[in-house]
């Protein structure tokens, strides 16, 4: 049986980290694992973002969202392994 998983999602400064801190205080017997925000990870890690020479386009957005989804799916089993330590 897979353990229950709760995912917090929301925009920047939406209170996800604060909510996680409160959950950890309220449920000290539970293990909480925090993963990176994938879009930020990609953009700060070198994924080519729009700039003054390469403007945003629906095609760029489609490729970026595909990269975010693929990276998120690849991270989930790793985060599950970390949570089972």
Protein backbone atom coordinates (compact mmCIF):
# COMPACT_ATOMS: atom_id res chain seq x y z
CA UNK A 1 0.00 0.00 0.00
CA UNK A 2 1.37 3.39 -1.01
CA UNK A 3 1.62 6.01 1.72
CA UNK A 4 -0.72 8.97 1.54
CA UNK A 5 0.71 11.96 -0.29
CA UNK A 6 -0.36 15.56 0.15
CA UNK A 7 0.81 18.11 -2.39
CA UNK A 8 0.89 21.83 -1.72
CA UNK A 9 0.77 23.98 -4.82
CA UNK A 10 0.42 27.67 -5.51
CA UNK A 11 2.15 30.74 -6.81
CA UNK A 12 5.21 32.49 -5.39
CA UNK A 13 4.70 33.70 -1.81
CA UNK A 14 1.42 31.80 -1.63
CA UNK A 15 2.19 30.34 1.81
CA UNK A 16 3.21 26.79 0.85
CA UNK A 17 6.37 26.75 2.98
CA UNK A 18 4.56 28.36 5.90
CA UNK A 19 1.75 25.79 5.67
CA UNK A 20 4.34 23.00 5.59
CA UNK A 21 5.97 24.36 8.76
CA UNK A 22 2.60 24.39 10.55
CA UNK A 23 1.82 20.86 9.37
CA UNK A 24 5.18 19.62 10.65
CA UNK A 25 4.51 21.21 14.07
CA UNK A 26 0.97 19.85 14.22
CA UNK A 27 1.93 16.33 13.06
CA UNK A 28 5.40 15.62 14.51
CA UNK A 29 4.96 11.87 13.92
CA UNK A 30 4.63 12.38 10.14
CA UNK A 31 7.47 12.81 7.68
CA UNK A 32 7.38 15.82 5.41
CA UNK A 33 9.54 16.16 2.32
CA UNK A 34 9.80 19.29 0.22
CA UNK A 35 10.71 19.23 -3.46
CA UNK A 36 11.93 22.00 -5.72
CA UNK A 37 9.60 24.21 -7.72
CA UNK A 38 10.25 22.84 -11.19
CA UNK A 39 9.60 25.93 -13.34
CA UNK A 40 12.01 27.99 -11.21
CA UNK A 41 14.55 25.17 -11.23
CA UNK A 42 14.47 24.99 -15.04
CA UNK A 43 14.60 28.74 -15.63
CA UNK A 44 17.38 29.32 -13.09
CA UNK A 45 19.24 26.25 -14.36
CA UNK A 46 19.63 27.37 -17.94
CA UNK A 47 16.38 26.57 -19.74
CA UNK A 48 16.31 29.22 -22.49
CA UNK A 49 13.79 31.83 -21.39
CA UNK A 50 12.36 34.56 -23.60
CA UNK A 51 14.50 37.69 -23.76
CA UNK A 52 14.83 40.84 -25.84
CA UNK A 53 16.07 38.85 -28.87
CA UNK A 54 13.86 35.78 -28.45
CA UNK A 55 10.36 36.84 -27.50
CA UNK A 56 7.73 34.71 -25.83
CA UNK A 57 5.55 32.65 -28.16
CA UNK A 58 2.89 29.98 -27.79
CA UNK A 59 5.40 27.51 -29.23
CA UNK A 60 7.98 28.41 -26.54
CA UNK A 61 5.28 28.11 -23.85
CA UNK A 62 4.27 24.66 -25.12
CA UNK A 63 7.88 23.42 -25.00
CA UNK A 64 8.44 24.94 -21.57
CA UNK A 65 5.28 23.35 -20.12
CA UNK A 66 6.33 20.00 -21.60
CA UNK A 67 9.73 20.35 -19.88
CA UNK A 68 8.07 21.26 -16.58
CA UNK A 69 5.71 18.27 -16.74
CA UNK A 70 8.47 15.82 -17.72
CA UNK A 71 10.78 17.09 -14.98
CA UNK A 72 8.03 16.95 -12.35
CA UNK A 73 7.19 13.37 -13.31
CA UNK A 74 10.88 12.42 -13.11
CA UNK A 75 11.24 14.02 -9.66
CA UNK A 76 8.22 12.36 -8.07
CA UNK A 77 9.74 8.87 -7.62
CA UNK A 78 12.92 10.42 -6.23
CA UNK A 79 10.95 12.46 -3.72
CA UNK A 80 8.99 9.31 -2.79
CA UNK A 81 12.28 7.49 -2.12
CA UNK A 82 13.50 10.35 0.07
CA UNK A 83 10.26 10.33 2.03
CA UNK A 84 10.69 6.61 2.85
CA UNK A 85 14.06 7.03 4.56
